[in-house]
PDB file of N, CA and C in Angstrom:
ATOM      1  N   MET A   1      36.125   6.233  41.730  1.00  0.00           N
ATOM      2  CA  MET A   1      35.353   7.048  42.627  1.00  0.00           C
ATOM      3  C   MET A   1      34.456   6.122  43.440  1.00  0.00           C
ATOM      4  N   SER A   2      34.489   6.251  44.705  1.00  0.00           N
ATOM      5  CA  SER A   2      33.717   5.368  45.551  1.00  0.00           C
ATOM      6  C   SER A   2      32.494   6.086  46.108  1.00  0.00           C
ATOM      7  N   THR A   3      31.483   5.284  46.450  1.00  0.00           N
ATOM      8  CA  THR A   3      30.238   5.816  47.001  1.00  0.00           C
ATOM      9  C   THR A   3      30.267   5.611  48.517  1.00  0.00           C
ATOM     10  N   PRO A   4      29.874   6.631  49.290  1.00  0.00           N
ATOM     11  CA  PRO A   4      29.843   6.438  50.739  1.00  0.00           C
ATOM     12  C   PRO A   4      28.896   5.294  51.115  1.00  0.00           C
ATOM     13  N   ILE A   5      29.165   4.643  52.235  1.00  0.00           N
ATOM     14  CA  ILE A   5      28.372   3.503  52.683  1.00  0.00           C
ATOM     15  C   ILE A   5      26.939   3.965  52.951  1.00  0.00           C
ATOM     16  N   GLY A   6      25.959   3.171  52.441  1.00  0.00           N
ATOM     17  CA  GLY A   6      24.556   3.493  52.650  1.00  0.00           C
ATOM     18  C   GLY A   6      23.959   4.353  51.541  1.00  0.00           C
ATOM     19  N   MET A   7      24.769   4.861  50.640  1.00  0.00           N
ATOM     20  CA  MET A   7      24.264   5.689  49.528  1.00  0.00           C
ATOM     21  C   MET A   7      24.223   4.820  48.262  1.00  0.00           C
ATOM     22  N   LYS A   8      23.171   4.952  47.508  1.00  0.00           N
ATOM     23  CA  LYS A   8      23.065   4.205  46.255  1.00  0.00           C
ATOM     24  C   LYS A   8      23.651   5.034  45.129  1.00  0.00           C
ATOM     25  N   ARG A   9      24.255   4.326  44.220  1.00  0.00           N
ATOM     26  CA  ARG A   9      24.779   4.986  43.028  1.00  0.00           C
ATOM     27  C   ARG A   9      23.665   5.070  42.004  1.00  0.00           C
ATOM     28  N   THR A  10      23.332   6.230  41.572  1.00  0.00           N
ATOM     29  CA  THR A  10      22.248   6.380  40.595  1.00  0.00           C
ATOM     30  C   THR A  10      22.717   7.218  39.427  1.00  0.00           C
ATOM     31  N   THR A  11      22.111   6.952  38.321  1.00  0.00           N
ATOM     32  CA  THR A  11      22.363   7.784  37.147  1.00  0.00           C
ATOM     33  C   THR A  11      21.113   8.598  36.885  1.00  0.00           C
ATOM     34  N   PRO A  12      21.282   9.820  36.449  1.00  0.00           N
ATOM     35  CA  PRO A  12      20.087  10.631  36.212  1.00  0.00           C
ATOM     36  C   PRO A  12      19.226  10.033  35.098  1.00  0.00           C
ATOM     37  N   GLN A  13      17.924   9.987  35.313  1.00  0.00           N
ATOM     38  CA  GLN A  13      16.981   9.450  34.327  1.00  0.00           C
ATOM     39  C   GLN A  13      16.396  10.602  33.519  1.00  0.00           C
ATOM     40  N   LEU A  14      16.537  10.491  32.227  1.00  0.00           N
ATOM     41  CA  LEU A  14      15.946  11.500  31.354  1.00  0.00           C
ATOM     42  C   LEU A  14      14.561  11.024  30.934  1.00  0.00           C
ATOM     43  N   PRO A  15      13.608  11.935  30.793  1.00  0.00           N
ATOM     44  CA  PRO A  15      12.282  11.516  30.345  1.00  0.00           C
ATOM     45  C   PRO A  15      12.345  10.993  28.906  1.00  0.00           C
ATOM     46  N   LEU A  16      11.607   9.925  28.636  1.00  0.00           N
ATOM     47  CA  LEU A  16      11.575   9.365  27.287  1.00  0.00           C
ATOM     48  C   LEU A  16      10.722  10.249  26.388  1.00  0.00           C
ATOM     49  N   LYS A  17      11.222  10.484  25.203  1.00  0.00           N
ATOM     50  CA  LYS A  17      10.464  11.300  24.251  1.00  0.00           C
ATOM     51  C   LYS A  17       9.937  10.407  23.147  1.00  0.00           C
ATOM     52  N   ARG A  18       8.684  10.569  22.812  1.00  0.00           N
ATOM     53  CA  ARG A  18       8.081   9.808  21.710  1.00  0.00           C
ATOM     54  C   ARG A  18       8.280  10.579  20.417  1.00  0.00           C
ATOM     55  N   LYS A  19       8.484   9.836  19.340  1.00  0.00           N
ATOM     56  CA  LYS A  19       8.616  10.491  18.041  1.00  0.00           C
ATOM     57  C   LYS A  19       7.282  11.016  17.567  1.00  0.00           C
ATOM     58  N   THR A  20       6.231  10.252  17.808  1.00  0.00           N
ATOM     59  CA  THR A  20       4.888  10.716  17.457  1.00  0.00           C
ATOM     60  C   THR A  20       3.989  10.532  18.661  1.00  0.00           C
ATOM     61  N   PRO A  21       3.078  11.441  18.862  1.00  0.00           N
ATOM     62  CA  PRO A  21       2.155  11.282  19.983  1.00  0.00           C
ATOM     63  C   PRO A  21       1.266  10.061  19.779  1.00  0.00           C
ATOM     64  N   LEU A  22       0.738   9.523  20.861  1.00  0.00           N
ATOM     65  CA  LEU A  22      -0.107   8.331  20.773  1.00  0.00           C
ATOM     66  C   LEU A  22      -1.340   8.582  19.918  1.00  0.00           C
ATOM     67  N   LYS A  23      -1.932   9.747  20.015  1.00  0.00           N
ATOM     68  CA  LYS A  23      -3.126  10.045  19.234  1.00  0.00           C
ATOM     69  C   LYS A  23      -2.832   9.998  17.742  1.00  0.00           C
ATOM     70  N   ALA A  24      -1.670  10.469  17.339  1.00  0.00           N
ATOM     71  CA  ALA A  24      -1.320  10.477  15.923  1.00  0.00           C
ATOM     72  C   ALA A  24      -1.183   9.053  15.385  1.00  0.00           C
ATOM     73  N   LYS A  25      -0.643   8.138  16.195  1.00  0.00           N
ATOM     74  CA  LYS A  25      -0.487   6.763  15.730  1.00  0.00           C
ATOM     75  C   LYS A  25      -1.837   6.116  15.463  1.00  0.00           C
ATOM     76  N   LYS A  26      -2.817   6.393  16.301  1.00  0.00           N
ATOM     77  CA  LYS A  26      -4.132   5.809  16.103  1.00  0.00           C
ATOM     78  C   LYS A  26      -4.748   6.298  14.807  1.00  0.00           C
ATOM     79  N   VAL A  27      -4.554   7.552  14.477  1.00  0.00           N
ATOM     80  CA  VAL A  27      -5.128   8.117  13.264  1.00  0.00           C
ATOM     81  C   VAL A  27      -4.445   7.553  12.027  1.00  0.00           C
ATOM     82  N   ILE A  28      -3.128   7.335  12.103  1.00  0.00           N
ATOM     83  CA  ILE A  28      -2.379   6.825  10.963  1.00  0.00           C
ATOM     84  C   ILE A  28      -2.871   5.433  10.570  1.00  0.00           C
ATOM     85  N   ASN A  29      -3.166   4.589  11.548  1.00  0.00           N
ATOM     86  CA  ASN A  29      -3.545   3.214  11.274  1.00  0.00           C
ATOM     87  C   ASN A  29      -4.995   3.060  10.819  1.00  0.00           C
ATOM     88  N   LYS A  30      -5.810   4.081  10.998  1.00  0.00           N
ATOM     89  CA  LYS A  30      -7.209   3.972  10.614  1.00  0.00           C
ATOM     90  C   LYS A  30      -7.387   4.268   9.135  1.00  0.00           C
ATOM     91  N   MET A  31      -8.270   3.530   8.518  1.00  0.00           N
ATOM     92  CA  MET A  31      -8.604   3.739   7.122  1.00  0.00           C
ATOM     93  C   MET A  31      -9.800   4.683   7.065  1.00  0.00           C
ATOM     94  N   SER A  32      -9.737   5.668   6.199  1.00  0.00           N
ATOM     95  CA  SER A  32     -10.855   6.597   6.113  1.00  0.00           C
ATOM     96  C   SER A  32     -12.049   5.912   5.444  1.00  0.00           C
ATOM     97  N   ASP A  33     -13.224   6.481   5.629  1.00  0.00           N
ATOM     98  CA  ASP A  33     -14.429   5.911   5.012  1.00  0.00           C
ATOM     99  C   ASP A  33     -14.319   5.918   3.495  1.00  0.00           C
ATOM    100  N   LYS A  34     -13.695   6.947   2.959  1.00  0.00           N
ATOM    101  CA  LYS A  34     -13.522   7.042   1.503  1.00  0.00           C
ATOM    102  C   LYS A  34     -12.608   5.920   0.998  1.00  0.00           C
ATOM    103  N   GLN A  35     -11.506   5.656   1.718  1.00  0.00           N
ATOM    104  CA  GLN A  35     -10.597   4.572   1.338  1.00  0.00           C
ATOM    105  C   GLN A  35     -11.276   3.213   1.456  1.00  0.00           C
ATOM    106  N   ARG A  36     -12.064   3.033   2.507  1.00  0.00           N
ATOM    107  CA  ARG A  36     -12.760   1.763   2.714  1.00  0.00           C
ATOM    108  C   ARG A  36     -13.771   1.513   1.596  1.00  0.00           C
ATOM    109  N   ALA A  37     -14.505   2.551   1.210  1.00  0.00           N
ATOM    110  CA  ALA A  37     -15.496   2.414   0.140  1.00  0.00           C
ATOM    111  C   ALA A  37     -14.801   2.086  -1.180  1.00  0.00           C
ATOM    112  N   ARG A  38     -13.677   2.743  -1.454  1.00  0.00           N
ATOM    113  CA  ARG A  38     -12.933   2.500  -2.686  1.00  0.00           C
ATOM    114  C   ARG A  38     -12.406   1.068  -2.709  1.00  0.00           C
ATOM    115  N   SER A  39     -11.938   0.594  -1.567  1.00  0.00           N
ATOM    116  CA  SER A  39     -11.401  -0.749  -1.480  1.00  0.00           C
ATOM    117  C   SER A  39     -12.478  -1.796  -1.765  1.00  0.00           C
ATOM    118  N   THR A  40     -13.684  -1.586  -1.239  1.00  0.00           N
ATOM    119  CA  THR A  40     -14.755  -2.552  -1.476  1.00  0.00           C
ATOM    120  C   THR A  40     -15.218  -2.522  -2.926  1.00  0.00           C
ATOM    121  N   VAL A  41     -15.222  -1.346  -3.547  1.00  0.00           N
ATOM    122  CA  VAL A  41     -15.616  -1.254  -4.961  1.00  0.00           C
ATOM    123  C   VAL A  41     -14.608  -2.000  -5.819  1.00  0.00           C
ATOM    124  N   LEU A  42     -13.310  -1.788  -5.571  1.00  0.00           N
ATOM    125  CA  LEU A  42     -12.280  -2.438  -6.372  1.00  0.00           C
ATOM    126  C   LEU A  42     -12.245  -3.945  -6.149  1.00  0.00           C
ATOM    127  N   SER A  43     -12.569  -4.394  -4.953  1.00  0.00           N
ATOM    128  CA  SER A  43     -12.526  -5.830  -4.689  1.00  0.00           C
ATOM    129  C   SER A  43     -13.665  -6.578  -5.375  1.00  0.00           C
ATOM    130  N   LYS A  44     -14.703  -5.872  -5.788  1.00  0.00           N
ATOM    131  CA  LYS A  44     -15.841  -6.520  -6.448  1.00  0.00           C
ATOM    132  C   LYS A  44     -15.628  -6.699  -7.943  1.00  0.00           C
ATOM    133  N   ILE A  45     -14.542  -6.165  -8.491  1.00  0.00           N
ATOM    134  CA  ILE A  45     -14.276  -6.314  -9.929  1.00  0.00           C
ATOM    135  C   ILE A  45     -13.581  -7.656 -10.141  1.00  0.00           C
ATOM    136  N   PRO A  46     -14.258  -8.598 -10.779  1.00  0.00           N
ATOM    137  CA  PRO A  46     -13.681  -9.948 -10.924  1.00  0.00           C
ATOM    138  C   PRO A  46     -12.618  -9.991 -12.030  1.00  0.00           C
ATOM    139  N   PRO A  47     -11.641 -10.880 -11.893  1.00  0.00           N
ATOM    140  CA  PRO A  47     -10.652 -11.054 -12.957  1.00  0.00           C
ATOM    141  C   PRO A  47     -11.287 -11.754 -14.155  1.00  0.00           C
ATOM    142  N   PRO A  48     -10.637 -11.729 -15.296  1.00  0.00           N
ATOM    143  CA  PRO A  48     -11.196 -12.404 -16.476  1.00  0.00           C
ATOM    144  C   PRO A  48     -11.371 -13.902 -16.235  1.00  0.00           C
ATOM    145  N   ASP A  49     -12.384 -14.472 -16.873  1.00  0.00           N
ATOM    146  CA  ASP A  49     -12.693 -15.894 -16.686  1.00  0.00           C
ATOM    147  C   ASP A  49     -11.567 -16.809 -17.152  1.00  0.00           C
ATOM    148  N   ASP A  50     -10.890 -16.436 -18.248  1.00  0.00           N
ATOM    149  CA  ASP A  50      -9.832 -17.298 -18.776  1.00  0.00           C
ATOM    150  C   ASP A  50      -8.499 -17.109 -18.052  1.00  0.00           C
ATOM    151  N   GLY A  51      -8.406 -16.092 -17.161  1.00  0.00           N
ATOM    152  CA  GLY A  51      -7.184 -15.868 -16.391  1.00  0.00           C
ATOM    153  C   GLY A  51      -6.061 -15.259 -17.201  1.00  0.00           C
ATOM    154  N   ARG A  52      -6.381 -14.661 -18.332  1.00  0.00           N
ATOM    155  CA  ARG A  52      -5.361 -14.076 -19.206  1.00  0.00           C
ATOM    156  C   ARG A  52      -5.366 -12.557 -19.107  1.00  0.00           C
ATOM    157  N   CYS A  53      -4.234 -11.972 -19.459  1.00  0.00           N
ATOM    158  CA  CYS A  53      -4.065 -10.522 -19.476  1.00  0.00           C
ATOM    159  C   CYS A  53      -5.014  -9.916 -20.511  1.00  0.00           C
ATOM    160  N   GLU A  54      -5.694  -8.824 -20.156  1.00  0.00           N
ATOM    161  CA  GLU A  54      -6.619  -8.179 -21.086  1.00  0.00           C
ATOM    162  C   GLU A  54      -5.892  -7.319 -22.107  1.00  0.00           C
ATOM    163  N   ASN A  55      -4.573  -7.183 -21.977  1.00  0.00           N
ATOM    164  CA  ASN A  55      -3.808  -6.399 -22.933  1.00  0.00           C
ATOM    165  C   ASN A  55      -3.108  -7.298 -23.953  1.00  0.00           C
ATOM    166  N   CYS A  56      -2.286  -8.239 -23.476  1.00  0.00           N
ATOM    167  CA  CYS A  56      -1.525  -9.095 -24.399  1.00  0.00           C
ATOM    168  C   CYS A  56      -2.156 -10.472 -24.577  1.00  0.00           C
ATOM    169  N   HIS A  57      -3.176 -10.799 -23.799  1.00  0.00           N
ATOM    170  CA  HIS A  57      -3.919 -12.061 -23.881  1.00  0.00           C
ATOM    171  C   HIS A  57      -3.058 -13.292 -23.610  1.00  0.00           C
ATOM    172  N   GLU A  58      -2.000 -13.119 -22.811  1.00  0.00           N
ATOM    173  CA  GLU A  58      -1.157 -14.241 -22.418  1.00  0.00           C
ATOM    174  C   GLU A  58      -1.394 -14.566 -20.948  1.00  0.00           C
ATOM    175  N   LEU A  59      -1.000 -15.767 -20.544  1.00  0.00           N
ATOM    176  CA  LEU A  59      -1.087 -16.133 -19.129  1.00  0.00           C
ATOM    177  C   LEU A  59      -0.078 -15.316 -18.336  1.00  0.00           C
ATOM    178  N   PRO A  60      -0.425 -14.897 -17.120  1.00  0.00           N
ATOM    179  CA  PRO A  60       0.495 -14.063 -16.341  1.00  0.00           C
ATOM    180  C   PRO A  60       1.706 -14.839 -15.845  1.00  0.00           C
ATOM    181  N   ASP A  61       2.778 -14.102 -15.569  1.00  0.00           N
ATOM    182  CA  ASP A  61       3.983 -14.707 -15.009  1.00  0.00           C
ATOM    183  C   ASP A  61       3.829 -14.813 -13.489  1.00  0.00           C
ATOM    184  N   PHE A  62       4.922 -14.894 -12.761  1.00  0.00           N
ATOM    185  CA  PHE A  62       4.880 -15.085 -11.314  1.00  0.00           C
ATOM    186  C   PHE A  62       4.207 -13.924 -10.580  1.00  0.00           C
ATOM    187  N   ARG A  63       4.091 -12.761 -11.218  1.00  0.00           N
ATOM    188  CA  ARG A  63       3.475 -11.606 -10.560  1.00  0.00           C
ATOM    189  C   ARG A  63       1.955 -11.664 -10.577  1.00  0.00           C
ATOM    190  N   GLY A  64       1.393 -12.519 -11.406  1.00  0.00           N
ATOM    191  CA  GLY A  64      -0.058 -12.670 -11.464  1.00  0.00           C
ATOM    192  C   GLY A  64      -0.728 -11.510 -12.189  1.00  0.00           C
ATOM    193  N   LEU A  65      -2.048 -11.468 -12.108  1.00  0.00           N
ATOM    194  CA  LEU A  65      -2.809 -10.387 -12.721  1.00  0.00           C
ATOM    195  C   LEU A  65      -2.956  -9.230 -11.739  1.00  0.00           C
ATOM    196  N   GLN A  66      -2.930  -8.020 -12.267  1.00  0.00           N
ATOM    197  CA  GLN A  66      -3.038  -6.821 -11.448  1.00  0.00           C
ATOM    198  C   GLN A  66      -4.053  -5.885 -12.073  1.00  0.00           C
ATOM    199  N   LYS A  67      -4.755  -5.126 -11.224  1.00  0.00           N
ATOM    200  CA  LYS A  67      -5.723  -4.146 -11.723  1.00  0.00           C
ATOM    201  C   LYS A  67      -4.983  -2.895 -12.163  1.00  0.00           C
ATOM    202  N   HIS A  68      -5.378  -2.361 -13.307  1.00  0.00           N
ATOM    203  CA  HIS A  68      -4.751  -1.147 -13.832  1.00  0.00           C
ATOM    204  C   HIS A  68      -5.835  -0.175 -14.279  1.00  0.00           C
ATOM    205  N   HIS A  69      -5.715   1.083 -13.862  1.00  0.00           N
ATOM    206  CA  HIS A  69      -6.649   2.117 -14.295  1.00  0.00           C
ATOM    207  C   HIS A  69      -6.219   2.626 -15.667  1.00  0.00           C
ATOM    208  N   LYS A  70      -7.104   2.604 -16.636  1.00  0.00           N
ATOM    209  CA  LYS A  70      -6.791   3.145 -17.960  1.00  0.00           C
ATOM    210  C   LYS A  70      -6.512   4.641 -17.838  1.00  0.00           C
ATOM    211  N   ILE A  71      -7.418   5.345 -17.173  1.00  0.00           N
ATOM    212  CA  ILE A  71      -7.202   6.758 -16.858  1.00  0.00           C
ATOM    213  C   ILE A  71      -6.835   6.782 -15.378  1.00  0.00           C
ATOM    214  N   PHE A  72      -5.621   7.207 -15.075  1.00  0.00           N
ATOM    215  CA  PHE A  72      -5.137   7.180 -13.700  1.00  0.00           C
ATOM    216  C   PHE A  72      -6.056   7.957 -12.775  1.00  0.00           C
ATOM    217  N   ARG A  73      -6.129   7.540 -11.528  1.00  0.00           N
ATOM    218  CA  ARG A  73      -6.944   8.245 -10.534  1.00  0.00           C
ATOM    219  C   ARG A  73      -6.423   9.661 -10.324  1.00  0.00           C
ATOM    220  N   SER A  74      -5.104   9.845 -10.479  1.00  0.00           N
ATOM    221  CA  SER A  74      -4.526  11.180 -10.328  1.00  0.00           C
ATOM    222  C   SER A  74      -4.966  12.119 -11.453  1.00  0.00           C
ATOM    223  N   HIS A  75      -5.479  11.528 -12.547  1.00  0.00           N
ATOM    224  CA  HIS A  75      -6.030  12.323 -13.661  1.00  0.00           C
ATOM    225  C   HIS A  75      -7.551  12.248 -13.673  1.00  0.00           C
ATOM    226  N   ASN A  76      -8.126  12.106 -12.485  1.00  0.00           N
ATOM    227  CA  ASN A  76      -9.584  12.038 -12.287  1.00  0.00           C
ATOM    228  C   ASN A  76     -10.228  10.809 -12.921  1.00  0.00           C
ATOM    229  N   GLY A  77      -9.501   9.716 -12.984  1.00  0.00           N
ATOM    230  CA  GLY A  77     -10.069   8.460 -13.450  1.00  0.00           C
ATOM    231  C   GLY A  77     -10.932   7.837 -12.365  1.00  0.00           C
ATOM    232  N   SER A  78     -11.940   7.105 -12.767  1.00  0.00           N
ATOM    233  CA  SER A  78     -12.866   6.512 -11.801  1.00  0.00           C
ATOM    234  C   SER A  78     -12.461   5.072 -11.468  1.00  0.00           C
ATOM    235  N   ASP A  79     -13.161   4.490 -10.503  1.00  0.00           N
ATOM    236  CA  ASP A  79     -12.946   3.094 -10.121  1.00  0.00           C
ATOM    237  C   ASP A  79     -13.986   2.184 -10.768  1.00  0.00           C
ATOM    238  N   ASP A  80     -14.636   2.638 -11.822  1.00  0.00           N
ATOM    239  CA  ASP A  80     -15.642   1.836 -12.518  1.00  0.00           C
ATOM    240  C   ASP A  80     -14.977   0.722 -13.308  1.00  0.00           C
ATOM    241  N   ARG A  81     -15.760  -0.303 -13.600  1.00  0.00           N
ATOM    242  CA  ARG A  81     -15.254  -1.441 -14.373  1.00  0.00           C
ATOM    243  C   ARG A  81     -14.779  -1.002 -15.766  1.00  0.00           C
ATOM    244  N   ASP A  82     -15.399   0.037 -16.313  1.00  0.00           N
ATOM    245  CA  ASP A  82     -15.015   0.512 -17.649  1.00  0.00           C
ATOM    246  C   ASP A  82     -13.604   1.100 -17.664  1.00  0.00           C
ATOM    247  N   ASN A  83     -13.131   1.564 -16.523  1.00  0.00           N
ATOM    248  CA  ASN A  83     -11.828   2.211 -16.455  1.00  0.00           C
ATOM    249  C   ASN A  83     -10.734   1.277 -15.943  1.00  0.00           C
ATOM    250  N   ILE A  84     -11.085   0.067 -15.538  1.00  0.00           N
ATOM    251  CA  ILE A  84     -10.089  -0.844 -14.961  1.00  0.00           C
ATOM    252  C   ILE A  84      -9.938  -2.080 -15.836  1.00  0.00           C
ATOM    253  N   ILE A  85      -8.688  -2.453 -16.078  1.00  0.00           N
ATOM    254  CA  ILE A  85      -8.402  -3.687 -16.809  1.00  0.00           C
ATOM    255  C   ILE A  85      -7.464  -4.542 -15.966  1.00  0.00           C
ATOM    256  N   TRP A  86      -7.551  -5.848 -16.160  1.00  0.00           N
ATOM    257  CA  TRP A  86      -6.655  -6.793 -15.494  1.00  0.00           C
ATOM    258  C   TRP A  86      -5.504  -7.072 -16.442  1.00  0.00           C
ATOM    259  N   VAL A  87      -4.289  -6.783 -16.004  1.00  0.00           N
ATOM    260  CA  VAL A  87      -3.113  -6.980 -16.858  1.00  0.00           C
ATOM    261  C   VAL A  87      -2.072  -7.814 -16.116  1.00  0.00           C
ATOM    262  N   CYS A  88      -1.181  -8.431 -16.891  1.00  0.00           N
ATOM    263  CA  CYS A  88      -0.084  -9.189 -16.286  1.00  0.00           C
ATOM    264  C   CYS A  88       0.966  -8.204 -15.762  1.00  0.00           C
ATOM    265  N   GLY A  89       1.893  -8.694 -14.968  1.00  0.00           N
ATOM    266  CA  GLY A  89       2.921  -7.841 -14.378  1.00  0.00           C
ATOM    267  C   GLY A  89       3.781  -7.154 -15.424  1.00  0.00           C
ATOM    268  N   LYS A  90       4.057  -7.844 -16.527  1.00  0.00           N
ATOM    269  CA  LYS A  90       4.887  -7.274 -17.583  1.00  0.00           C
ATOM    270  C   LYS A  90       4.188  -6.078 -18.233  1.00  0.00           C
ATOM    271  N   CYS A  91       2.918  -6.245 -18.592  1.00  0.00           N
ATOM    272  CA  CYS A  91       2.158  -5.147 -19.206  1.00  0.00           C
ATOM    273  C   CYS A  91       1.967  -3.998 -18.225  1.00  0.00           C
ATOM    274  N   HIS A  92       1.734  -4.325 -16.962  1.00  0.00           N
ATOM    275  CA  HIS A  92       1.541  -3.284 -15.957  1.00  0.00           C
ATOM    276  C   HIS A  92       2.802  -2.440 -15.815  1.00  0.00           C
ATOM    277  N   GLY A  93       3.963  -3.088 -15.854  1.00  0.00           N
ATOM    278  CA  GLY A  93       5.219  -2.357 -15.801  1.00  0.00           C
ATOM    279  C   GLY A  93       5.404  -1.458 -17.014  1.00  0.00           C
ATOM    280  N   ILE A  94       5.017  -1.963 -18.183  1.00  0.00           N
ATOM    281  CA  ILE A  94       5.132  -1.159 -19.409  1.00  0.00           C
ATOM    282  C   ILE A  94       4.220   0.063 -19.338  1.00  0.00           C
ATOM    283  N   PHE A  95       2.991  -0.130 -18.841  1.00  0.00           N
ATOM    284  CA  PHE A  95       2.053   0.991 -18.727  1.00  0.00           C
ATOM    285  C   PHE A  95       2.605   2.104 -17.831  1.00  0.00           C
ATOM    286  N   HIS A  96       3.355   1.702 -16.801  1.00  0.00           N
ATOM    287  CA  HIS A  96       3.881   2.686 -15.849  1.00  0.00           C
ATOM    288  C   HIS A  96       5.321   3.077 -16.166  1.00  0.00           C
ATOM    289  N   GLY A  97       5.830   2.655 -17.303  1.00  0.00           N
ATOM    290  CA  GLY A  97       7.164   3.073 -17.737  1.00  0.00           C
ATOM    291  C   GLY A  97       8.308   2.395 -17.016  1.00  0.00           C
ATOM    292  N   ILE A  98       8.087   1.177 -16.517  1.00  0.00           N
ATOM    293  CA  ILE A  98       9.150   0.446 -15.826  1.00  0.00           C
ATOM    294  C   ILE A  98       9.773  -0.523 -16.817  1.00  0.00           C
ATOM    295  N   LYS A  99      11.059  -0.379 -17.045  1.00  0.00           N
ATOM    296  CA  LYS A  99      11.745  -1.259 -17.989  1.00  0.00           C
ATOM    297  C   LYS A  99      12.275  -2.481 -17.264  1.00  0.00           C
ATOM    298  N   GLU A 100      12.083  -3.638 -17.865  1.00  0.00           N
ATOM    299  CA  GLU A 100      12.587  -4.876 -17.277  1.00  0.00           C
ATOM    300  C   GLU A 100      14.005  -5.129 -17.763  1.00  0.00           C
ATOM    301  N   VAL A 101      14.771  -5.780 -16.914  1.00  0.00           N
ATOM    302  CA  VAL A 101      16.163  -6.076 -17.266  1.00  0.00           C
ATOM    303  C   VAL A 101      16.256  -7.429 -17.907  1.00  0.00           C
TER     304      VAL A 101
END
């Protein structure tokens, strides 16, 4: 099919549709004040001085030490030092029911 001389061949342009509005993206990336406060509280809990797991008392493997809530936050556990222990990756997996291969 040929185009007459002087006429441009064009394809119809469809408007681009965004999956999420711009305003929604800004809200998703922002941290709430409650999350920010929780993050600062948890970051102030120091790891044990000897660097060992508070459960099995062994040096951690490649996963390092991780914070674990004794009473889960989903069960109304707090972020206090009394409710958080530093455990190795192996113990943390056991606490959450993850079996290692």
